[in-house]
Amino acid sequence: MSQSKKSVARRTFLVGLLTGAGAVAALSSVPKKAAAKKDKGLAQAGAAVQPILYRRTKDVERYYKTLYT
């Protein structure tokens, strides 16, 4: 092979390699769609069971009365 044919072959190989690497990088960065999970037990019960995060006690009532008066 002549010197010019070798350089053209190398150049096309490198362009193809870089194009392929770019395509793989672009496809791997696309986020995947996430499907929501349906919980059949909660839908049948009617209301979801929620944890109790706050209880109103006498001490809390007394505290809030001091704040607003």
Protein backbone atom coordinates (compact mmCIF):
# COMPACT_ATOMS: atom_id res chain seq x y z
CA MET A 1 0.00 0.00 0.00
CA SER A 2 1.12 3.48 -0.66
CA GLN A 3 1.59 6.07 2.08
CA SER A 4 -1.51 8.10 1.09
CA LYS A 5 -3.80 5.06 1.10
CA LYS A 6 -2.57 4.10 4.59
CA SER A 7 -3.29 7.54 5.99
CA VAL A 8 -6.78 7.60 4.43
CA ALA A 9 -7.54 4.14 5.84
CA ARG A 10 -6.34 5.18 9.30
CA ARG A 11 -8.34 8.38 9.16
CA THR A 12 -11.58 6.63 8.20
CA PHE A 13 -10.98 4.01 10.90
CA LEU A 14 -10.46 6.69 13.55
CA VAL A 15 -13.52 8.65 12.39
CA GLY A 16 -15.64 5.50 12.57
CA LEU A 17 -14.24 4.64 16.00
CA LEU A 18 -14.94 8.13 17.38
CA THR A 19 -18.42 8.16 15.86
CA GLY A 20 -19.22 4.81 17.44
CA ALA A 21 -17.90 5.94 20.82
CA GLY A 22 -19.99 9.12 20.59
CA ALA A 23 -23.11 7.15 19.73
CA VAL A 24 -22.57 4.78 22.66
CA ALA A 25 -22.02 7.71 25.03
CA ALA A 26 -25.14 9.48 23.78
CA LEU A 27 -27.32 6.39 24.10
CA SER A 28 -26.02 5.54 27.55
CA SER A 29 -26.80 9.03 28.86
CA VAL A 30 -30.48 8.87 27.87
CA PRO A 31 -32.55 8.38 31.03
CA LYS A 32 -34.70 5.30 31.19
CA LYS A 33 -38.43 5.61 31.76
CA ALA A 34 -39.55 4.55 35.20
CA ALA A 35 -42.97 3.08 35.70
CA ALA A 36 -44.87 3.76 38.88
CA LYS A 37 -45.61 0.72 40.99
CA LYS A 38 -49.24 0.18 41.84
CA ASP A 39 -49.93 -1.23 45.26
CA LYS A 40 -53.11 -3.25 44.98
CA GLY A 41 -53.51 -3.67 48.74
CA LEU A 42 -53.87 0.06 49.40
CA ALA A 43 -56.26 0.59 46.51
CA GLN A 44 -58.56 -2.10 47.82
CA ALA A 45 -58.45 -0.83 51.39
CA GLY A 46 -59.79 2.54 50.28
CA ALA A 47 -57.44 4.75 52.29
CA ALA A 48 -53.70 4.56 52.59
CA VAL A 49 -52.31 3.88 56.04
CA GLN A 50 -50.16 6.86 56.94
CA PRO A 51 -47.72 6.99 59.85
CA ILE A 52 -48.63 9.40 62.65
CA LEU A 53 -46.04 12.14 62.56
CA TYR A 54 -47.48 14.49 65.16
CA ARG A 55 -49.68 14.05 68.22
CA ARG A 56 -51.39 16.98 69.84
CA THR A 57 -51.02 16.65 73.60
CA LYS A 58 -51.88 18.94 76.50
CA ASP A 59 -48.30 20.13 76.70
CA VAL A 60 -48.27 21.02 73.03
CA GLU A 61 -51.56 22.89 73.38
CA ARG A 62 -50.18 24.86 76.31
CA TYR A 63 -47.03 25.70 74.33
CA TYR A 64 -48.98 26.99 71.33
CA LYS A 65 -51.25 29.07 73.56
CA THR A 66 -48.15 30.83 74.94
CA LEU A 67 -46.94 31.54 71.41
CA TYR A 68 -50.11 33.19 70.16
CA THR A 69 -51.10 35.18 73.25
